[in-house]
Amino acid sequence: QVQLVESGGGLVQPGGSLRLSCAASGFAFSSYAMSWYRQAPGKERELVASISTGGGSTNYGDSVKGRFTISRDNAANTIYLQMNSLKPEDTAVYYCYLWRRGHYWGKGTLVTVSS
């Protein structure tokens, strides 16, 4: 069975940094692109970043370009999201995402950016 488990969320001050992790299992991890999405209260879910199978190609949502970095470690079946220069508007639940003959989502990890 596919499992996606996010971790690393928490409370951080504006301008601070946080690193999220997503541990994946139950499928051939290195054969699939992966993504991070986020959803703030009262707002629709939006794409944050995506990464190709080997990690050589990445894409970012406009709101996070230059501040966030997605990466992956195929040997560890894990993707990461390094978040720098955090803003209050980054506050959201962050989800790990896989498309593999269907949609798969982690349960999410909450990031709160507040002073």
Protein backbone atom coordinates (compact mmCIF):
# COMPACT_ATOMS: atom_id res chain seq x y z
CA GLN A 1 0.00 0.00 0.00
CA VAL A 2 1.12 3.53 -0.76
CA GLN A 3 2.04 5.61 2.27
CA LEU A 4 3.15 9.24 2.35
CA VAL A 5 4.05 10.64 5.76
CA GLU A 6 4.96 14.31 6.19
CA SER A 7 6.91 15.71 9.11
CA GLY A 8 8.75 18.85 10.15
CA GLY A 9 5.93 21.35 10.49
CA GLY A 10 5.62 23.73 13.39
CA LEU A 11 5.55 27.35 14.50
CA VAL A 12 8.14 29.72 13.07
CA GLN A 13 8.57 33.50 13.06
CA PRO A 14 8.40 35.56 9.86
CA GLY A 15 11.75 35.45 8.10
CA GLY A 16 12.58 32.10 9.61
CA SER A 17 13.23 28.72 8.01
CA LEU A 18 11.80 25.23 8.23
CA ARG A 19 12.46 21.93 6.48
CA LEU A 20 9.66 19.49 5.73
CA SER A 21 10.13 15.80 4.94
CA CYS A 22 7.90 13.23 3.27
CA ALA A 23 8.71 9.57 3.80
CA ALA A 24 7.25 7.38 1.05
CA SER A 25 6.65 3.65 0.88
CA GLY A 26 4.62 1.04 -0.97
CA PHE A 27 5.67 1.89 -4.52
CA ALA A 28 8.72 2.29 -6.75
CA PHE A 29 9.64 5.72 -5.44
CA SER A 30 12.41 6.47 -7.92
CA SER A 31 10.03 5.90 -10.88
CA TYR A 32 7.68 8.77 -10.01
CA ALA A 33 7.72 12.52 -9.86
CA MET A 34 6.58 13.96 -6.54
CA SER A 35 5.05 17.23 -5.38
CA TRP A 36 4.30 19.40 -2.39
CA TYR A 37 0.93 21.15 -2.12
CA ARG A 38 -0.45 23.38 0.59
CA GLN A 39 -3.84 24.54 1.77
CA ALA A 40 -4.55 27.53 3.98
CA PRO A 41 -7.82 27.92 5.89
CA GLY A 42 -10.58 29.07 3.55
CA LYS A 43 -8.37 28.74 0.48
CA GLU A 44 -8.08 26.09 -2.21
CA ARG A 45 -5.17 23.69 -2.30
CA GLU A 46 -2.27 25.00 -4.39
CA LEU A 47 0.89 23.56 -5.88
CA VAL A 48 4.06 24.52 -4.02
CA ALA A 49 6.73 22.52 -5.84
CA SER A 50 7.30 19.44 -7.99
CA ILE A 51 10.39 17.36 -8.67
CA SER A 52 11.28 14.86 -11.39
CA THR A 53 12.21 11.24 -10.75
CA GLY A 54 15.95 11.83 -10.46
CA GLY A 55 15.68 15.31 -8.98
CA GLY A 56 17.17 17.06 -11.99
CA SER A 57 14.10 19.11 -12.84
CA THR A 58 11.99 21.17 -10.43
CA ASN A 59 9.00 23.49 -10.66
CA TYR A 60 7.69 26.01 -8.14
CA GLY A 61 4.58 28.00 -7.57
CA ASP A 62 5.07 31.71 -8.20
CA SER A 63 4.53 32.61 -4.56
CA VAL A 64 7.48 30.53 -3.34
CA LYS A 65 10.06 30.89 -6.12
CA GLY A 66 13.42 31.94 -4.75
CA ARG A 67 12.47 31.02 -1.18
CA PHE A 68 11.64 27.29 -1.22
CA THR A 69 13.68 24.36 -2.51
CA ILE A 70 12.37 20.87 -3.22
CA SER A 71 14.76 17.92 -3.25
CA ARG A 72 14.66 14.14 -3.06
CA ASP A 73 16.77 11.26 -1.80
CA ASN A 74 15.77 8.18 -3.76
CA ALA A 75 17.89 5.89 -1.61
CA ALA A 76 15.89 7.04 1.41
CA ASN A 77 12.51 7.21 -0.39
CA THR A 78 12.12 10.76 0.86
CA ILE A 79 11.38 14.21 -0.53
CA TYR A 80 12.13 17.46 1.24
CA LEU A 81 10.96 21.05 1.17
CA GLN A 82 13.40 23.63 2.48
CA MET A 83 11.47 26.80 3.28
CA ASN A 84 13.36 30.05 3.84
CA SER A 85 12.29 33.65 4.35
CA LEU A 86 8.92 32.49 5.57
CA LYS A 87 5.96 34.85 5.48
CA PRO A 88 2.65 34.77 7.37
CA GLU A 89 0.91 33.93 4.09
CA ASP A 90 2.89 30.67 3.98
CA THR A 91 0.81 29.43 6.90
CA ALA A 92 -0.95 26.28 5.69
CA VAL A 93 -1.13 22.53 5.92
CA TYR A 94 1.52 21.13 3.61
CA TYR A 95 0.83 17.87 1.77
CA CYS A 96 3.03 15.37 -0.04
CA TYR A 97 1.48 14.24 -3.35
CA LEU A 98 1.89 11.34 -5.79
CA TRP A 99 0.05 10.51 -9.01
CA ARG A 100 0.28 6.77 -9.65
CA ARG A 101 -2.77 5.46 -11.47
CA GLY A 102 -4.68 7.68 -9.07
CA HIS A 103 -4.14 10.48 -6.54
CA TYR A 104 -2.26 9.85 -3.31
CA TRP A 105 -1.91 12.37 -0.50
CA GLY A 106 -0.18 12.39 2.82
CA LYS A 107 -2.11 13.49 5.88
CA GLY A 108 -0.31 16.83 5.95
CA THR A 109 1.85 18.78 8.36
CA LEU A 110 0.91 22.21 9.68
CA VAL A 111 3.22 25.18 9.20
CA THR A 112 2.35 28.34 11.12
CA VAL A 113 4.29 31.53 10.43
CA SER A 114 3.55 34.10 13.10
CA SER A 115 5.24 36.48 15.50
